[in-house]
Amino acid sequence: MLPTTKDTLFAINQIQEDFVFSERVAQVFDDMLDRSIPFYQEVIKGTARLLDTFLRQNDTVVDLGCATGTTLLQLARLLPDKGLLFKGIDNSPAMLHKARLKAEMFSKQDQVSFVVQDITDLDQADTGAFLLNYTLQFIRPLRRKDFIHRLFDNLRPGGVLILSEKKISHDPLLNRKYIDIYHQFKLERGYSELEIAKKREALENILIPFSIEENRELLLGAGFTNVETFFQWFNFVSFIAIKPG
C-alpha cells in the first residue's frame, strides 16, 4: 500500500491562494477524501452494485476527474468478472502520477489506464459508464449544461452516468443546519476549526454546488430519462442517470 500522508495543508498557512490540485494536494489527497467526504467508501461500493447491474461485458468505465485513481482501482477489485476496462481522466499530472503508481502496485495497469486531459474536451464514444464524483461542482456553472450534453452523447445507448456532488438546499434553515452538521463531521475526523475555515475560504470561489433539483434538471435536459438519487447524507448526494436504450 502506498503510504498515505496526513492532510495538514491548511494547518500552518501552507495554502494562501484559491484551492488548486497541485503536487502538495496530491500528496495528501487520499487522506483528504477519507476525512472530508461522508461515506466515501460506501458510495464506491454502491456505484459498483449499480455498474454490475447495468453494464455489459467488456464495457468501458471512464472516471472524469479521477484524481489518484482510488475509485477505479476499487471498482476493478469489486467487479472482477465483467471484463471491464477502466480509464481515468484528470488535468493534474501530479494526481495521475500517484494513480499510476497505485495501479502498478495492485497489478491493475493492464485494466486501469490514466490520461492527462481537460475533461470538458472529452471524446470517448460508446462508453458504458461515466463517473463524475465531486467534480462537476468545480466546473463553472455556465459550462455545465454543454458538458453534461457531451457526456450523454458519448454514452452508448443504455449507458449510465454516476454523479456525486456536494449540494446546497434552497431552504435557508436546512442549508445552514446541514453545513453545521458537516462542520461537526470534519471536527470529529481531526480537522481543527482553523483548518476548516481556511479550506472553506480557499474553495469559496472554486466549488459552486447546485441543489438536487438543479442537478436533476441538468441531467433530464441532456436527455437522460431515468434520473434518481441513490445516496444522500445531508449536503452530499449521488445520482444515477441512464441514457435511453
Protein backbone atom coordinates (compact mmCIF):
# COMPACT_ATOMS: atom_id res chain seq x y z
CA MET A 1 0.00 0.00 0.00
CA LEU A 2 1.33 3.46 -0.87
CA PRO A 3 1.91 5.49 2.28
CA THR A 4 -0.87 7.99 2.96
CA THR A 5 0.28 11.44 4.03
CA LYS A 6 -1.96 13.17 6.56
CA ASP A 7 -3.73 16.26 5.25
CA THR A 8 -2.33 19.27 7.14
CA LEU A 9 -2.31 21.70 4.21
CA PHE A 10 -4.46 24.25 5.99
CA ALA A 11 -2.98 23.76 9.45
CA ILE A 12 0.04 26.06 9.19
CA ASN A 13 -0.74 28.54 6.44
CA GLN A 14 0.69 26.35 3.69
CA ILE A 15 -2.00 27.44 1.21
CA GLN A 16 -2.81 31.13 0.88
CA GLU A 17 -4.43 31.17 -2.57
CA ASP A 18 -7.51 29.54 -4.09
CA PHE A 19 -7.57 25.74 -3.97
CA VAL A 20 -5.74 24.02 -6.84
CA PHE A 21 -4.94 20.33 -7.43
CA SER A 22 -1.19 20.77 -7.06
CA GLU A 23 1.64 18.42 -6.11
CA ARG A 24 1.11 19.33 -2.44
CA VAL A 25 -2.58 18.47 -2.66
CA ALA A 26 -1.84 15.19 -4.49
CA GLN A 27 0.40 14.03 -1.64
CA VAL A 28 -2.42 14.27 0.92
CA PHE A 29 -5.46 13.79 -1.33
CA ASP A 30 -6.37 10.25 -0.28
CA ASP A 31 -6.42 11.26 3.38
CA MET A 32 -8.34 14.42 2.49
CA LEU A 33 -11.08 12.40 0.76
CA ASP A 34 -11.42 9.85 3.54
CA ARG A 35 -11.76 12.60 6.15
CA SER A 36 -13.82 15.08 4.11
CA ILE A 37 -16.36 13.04 2.08
CA PRO A 38 -19.04 11.34 4.20
CA PHE A 39 -19.43 7.62 3.43
CA TYR A 40 -16.90 7.88 0.61
CA GLN A 41 -16.18 4.14 0.52
CA GLU A 42 -19.87 3.25 0.74
CA VAL A 43 -20.64 5.39 -2.31
CA ILE A 44 -17.95 3.49 -4.24
CA LYS A 45 -19.49 0.17 -3.15
CA GLY A 46 -22.95 1.40 -4.16
CA THR A 47 -21.56 2.50 -7.51
CA ALA A 48 -20.09 -0.96 -8.03
CA ARG A 49 -23.50 -2.56 -7.42
CA LEU A 50 -25.13 -0.24 -9.96
CA LEU A 51 -22.44 -0.83 -12.56
CA ASP A 52 -22.74 -4.58 -12.04
CA THR A 53 -26.46 -4.23 -12.75
CA PHE A 54 -26.37 -2.00 -15.82
CA LEU A 55 -23.06 -2.62 -17.60
CA ARG A 56 -22.39 -5.18 -20.30
CA GLN A 57 -19.44 -7.50 -20.57
CA ASN A 58 -16.28 -5.66 -21.71
CA ASP A 59 -17.78 -2.17 -21.27
CA THR A 60 -15.55 0.83 -20.63
CA VAL A 61 -15.89 2.87 -17.44
CA VAL A 62 -14.46 6.41 -17.55
CA ASP A 63 -13.82 8.35 -14.34
CA LEU A 64 -13.75 12.09 -15.02
CA GLY A 65 -11.60 13.95 -12.53
CA CYS A 66 -10.23 10.62 -11.31
CA ALA A 67 -7.54 12.19 -9.07
CA THR A 68 -5.32 9.45 -7.59
CA GLY A 69 -7.37 6.60 -9.07
CA THR A 70 -8.87 5.31 -5.83
CA THR A 71 -12.38 4.82 -7.21
CA LEU A 72 -11.31 2.99 -10.37
CA LEU A 73 -8.96 0.68 -8.50
CA GLN A 74 -11.69 -0.16 -6.01
CA LEU A 75 -14.16 -0.84 -8.83
CA ALA A 76 -11.64 -3.06 -10.62
CA ARG A 77 -11.35 -5.07 -7.40
CA LEU A 78 -15.12 -5.21 -6.79
CA LEU A 79 -16.08 -6.08 -10.39
CA PRO A 80 -13.59 -8.74 -11.50
CA ASP A 81 -15.88 -10.82 -13.72
CA LYS A 82 -17.23 -8.42 -16.35
CA GLY A 83 -14.01 -7.83 -18.30
CA LEU A 84 -14.40 -4.08 -17.79
CA LEU A 85 -11.82 -1.57 -18.91
CA PHE A 86 -11.30 1.44 -16.64
CA LYS A 87 -9.99 4.80 -17.80
CA GLY A 88 -9.25 7.79 -15.59
CA ILE A 89 -9.07 11.32 -16.96
CA ASP A 90 -7.71 14.26 -14.99
CA ASN A 91 -5.89 17.51 -15.79
CA SER A 92 -3.47 17.17 -12.84
CA PRO A 93 -0.23 15.34 -13.75
CA ALA A 94 0.62 15.10 -10.03
CA MET A 95 -2.61 13.23 -9.29
CA LEU A 96 -2.14 10.85 -12.21
CA HIS A 97 1.47 10.11 -11.26
CA LYS A 98 0.20 8.81 -7.94
CA ALA A 99 -2.69 6.96 -9.68
CA ARG A 100 -0.29 5.10 -11.98
CA LEU A 101 1.92 4.09 -9.06
CA LYS A 102 -1.13 2.66 -7.30
CA ALA A 103 -2.25 0.77 -10.43
CA GLU A 104 1.19 -0.80 -10.75
CA MET A 105 1.29 -1.69 -7.07
CA PHE A 106 -2.02 -3.55 -7.38
CA SER A 107 -1.06 -5.06 -10.79
CA LYS A 108 -4.01 -3.35 -12.47
CA GLN A 109 -2.10 -1.35 -15.11
CA ASP A 110 -3.46 -3.55 -17.94
CA GLN A 111 -7.05 -2.96 -16.83
CA VAL A 112 -6.85 0.61 -15.50
CA SER A 113 -5.27 3.45 -17.51
CA PHE A 114 -4.96 7.18 -16.94
CA VAL A 115 -4.85 10.15 -19.33
CA VAL A 116 -3.97 13.80 -18.70
CA GLN A 117 -6.78 15.79 -20.32
CA ASP A 118 -9.31 18.54 -19.70
CA ILE A 119 -12.49 16.54 -19.08
CA THR A 120 -14.61 19.17 -20.83
CA ASP A 121 -12.81 18.23 -24.09
CA LEU A 122 -13.95 14.64 -23.77
CA ASP A 123 -14.25 12.46 -26.87
CA GLN A 124 -14.96 8.90 -25.70
CA ALA A 125 -17.73 7.46 -27.86
CA ASP A 126 -19.66 4.31 -26.88
CA THR A 127 -18.68 4.49 -23.20
CA GLY A 128 -20.62 2.19 -20.88
CA ALA A 129 -20.43 4.45 -17.82
CA PHE A 130 -19.10 7.83 -16.84
CA LEU A 131 -18.26 8.59 -13.23
CA LEU A 132 -18.38 12.24 -12.21
CA ASN A 133 -17.73 12.22 -8.50
CA TYR A 134 -17.29 15.55 -6.67
CA THR A 135 -16.05 17.06 -9.95
CA LEU A 136 -18.96 18.86 -11.65
CA GLN A 137 -19.03 21.32 -8.74
CA PHE A 138 -15.60 22.60 -9.87
CA ILE A 139 -16.81 23.36 -13.43
CA ARG A 140 -18.17 26.87 -13.90
CA PRO A 141 -22.00 26.75 -13.84
CA LEU A 142 -22.38 28.28 -17.32
CA ARG A 143 -20.33 25.40 -18.81
CA ARG A 144 -22.16 22.53 -17.09
CA LYS A 145 -25.07 22.20 -19.50
CA ASP A 146 -22.85 21.69 -22.56
CA PHE A 147 -20.59 19.34 -20.60
CA ILE A 148 -23.44 17.08 -19.47
CA HIS A 149 -24.78 17.03 -23.04
CA ARG A 150 -21.32 15.91 -24.20
CA LEU A 151 -21.35 13.06 -21.69
CA PHE A 152 -24.80 11.98 -22.84
CA ASP A 153 -23.68 11.96 -26.47
CA ASN A 154 -20.59 9.87 -25.66
CA LEU A 155 -22.50 7.17 -23.75
CA ARG A 156 -23.70 4.08 -25.59
CA PRO A 157 -27.50 3.51 -25.54
CA GLY A 158 -28.36 2.19 -22.09
CA GLY A 159 -25.15 3.61 -20.61
CA VAL A 160 -25.09 5.27 -17.20
CA LEU A 161 -23.73 8.38 -15.56
CA ILE A 162 -22.91 8.30 -11.85
CA LEU A 163 -22.82 11.82 -10.40
CA SER A 164 -21.81 12.57 -6.81
CA GLU A 165 -21.77 16.14 -5.54
CA LYS A 166 -21.86 18.43 -2.58
CA LYS A 167 -25.24 20.17 -2.71
CA ILE A 168 -27.00 23.26 -1.47
CA SER A 169 -30.53 23.49 -0.17
CA HIS A 170 -32.75 26.43 -1.14
CA ASP A 171 -34.32 26.21 2.31
CA PRO A 172 -32.11 28.66 4.28
CA LEU A 173 -32.70 26.97 7.64
CA LEU A 174 -31.91 23.46 6.41
CA ASN A 175 -28.94 24.67 4.37
CA ARG A 176 -27.40 26.28 7.44
CA LYS A 177 -28.07 23.21 9.62
CA TYR A 178 -26.58 20.84 7.03
CA ILE A 179 -23.45 22.99 6.85
CA ASP A 180 -23.19 22.91 10.66
CA ILE A 181 -23.56 19.10 10.68
CA TYR A 182 -20.83 18.77 8.04
CA HIS A 183 -18.61 21.11 10.07
CA GLN A 184 -19.02 18.80 13.06
CA PHE A 185 -18.27 15.78 10.85
CA LYS A 186 -14.90 17.28 9.91
CA LEU A 187 -14.08 18.19 13.52
CA GLU A 188 -14.74 14.57 14.50
CA ARG A 189 -12.20 13.47 11.88
CA GLY A 190 -9.42 15.52 13.31
CA TYR A 191 -9.59 18.80 11.42
CA SER A 192 -9.28 21.95 13.52
CA GLU A 193 -11.60 24.95 13.37
CA LEU A 194 -8.75 26.87 11.71
CA GLU A 195 -8.20 24.21 9.01
CA ILE A 196 -11.93 24.04 8.24
CA ALA A 197 -12.23 27.82 7.96
CA LYS A 198 -9.16 28.14 5.74
CA LYS A 199 -10.24 25.38 3.38
CA ARG A 200 -13.73 26.87 3.11
CA GLU A 201 -12.17 30.21 2.19
CA ALA A 202 -9.87 28.61 -0.40
CA LEU A 203 -12.82 26.82 -2.04
CA GLU A 204 -15.28 29.71 -1.84
CA ASN A 205 -14.99 30.82 -5.46
CA ILE A 206 -13.90 27.43 -6.84
CA LEU A 207 -16.50 24.91 -5.63
CA ILE A 208 -20.04 26.02 -6.61
CA PRO A 209 -22.67 23.40 -5.73
CA PHE A 210 -26.14 23.04 -7.22
CA SER A 211 -29.27 21.81 -5.45
CA ILE A 212 -30.68 18.34 -6.05
CA GLU A 213 -33.40 19.87 -8.21
CA GLU A 214 -30.91 21.84 -10.33
CA ASN A 215 -28.73 18.77 -10.91
CA ARG A 216 -31.75 16.66 -11.82
CA GLU A 217 -32.95 19.28 -14.31
CA LEU A 218 -29.47 19.39 -15.83
CA LEU A 219 -29.48 15.61 -16.35
CA LEU A 220 -33.03 15.40 -17.67
CA GLY A 221 -32.36 18.34 -20.00
CA ALA A 222 -29.44 16.48 -21.56
CA GLY A 223 -31.71 13.54 -22.48
CA PHE A 224 -31.32 11.12 -19.58
CA THR A 225 -34.69 9.50 -18.85
CA ASN A 226 -34.07 7.64 -15.57
CA VAL A 227 -32.60 10.02 -13.00
CA GLU A 228 -32.62 9.10 -9.32
CA THR A 229 -30.60 9.71 -6.18
CA PHE A 230 -29.16 6.51 -4.70
CA PHE A 231 -27.37 8.08 -1.72
CA GLN A 232 -27.74 11.22 0.37
CA TRP A 233 -26.07 12.41 3.57
CA PHE A 234 -27.27 15.91 4.47
CA ASN A 235 -25.44 18.12 1.91
CA PHE A 236 -23.87 15.29 -0.13
CA VAL A 237 -25.77 13.38 -2.81
CA SER A 238 -25.19 10.74 -5.51
CA PHE A 239 -27.29 10.25 -8.66
CA ILE A 240 -27.62 7.61 -11.32
CA ALA A 241 -28.76 8.77 -14.77
CA ILE A 242 -29.46 6.30 -17.60
CA LYS A 243 -29.35 7.03 -21.32
CA PRO A 244 -32.36 5.56 -23.16
CA GLY A 245 -31.63 2.24 -24.85
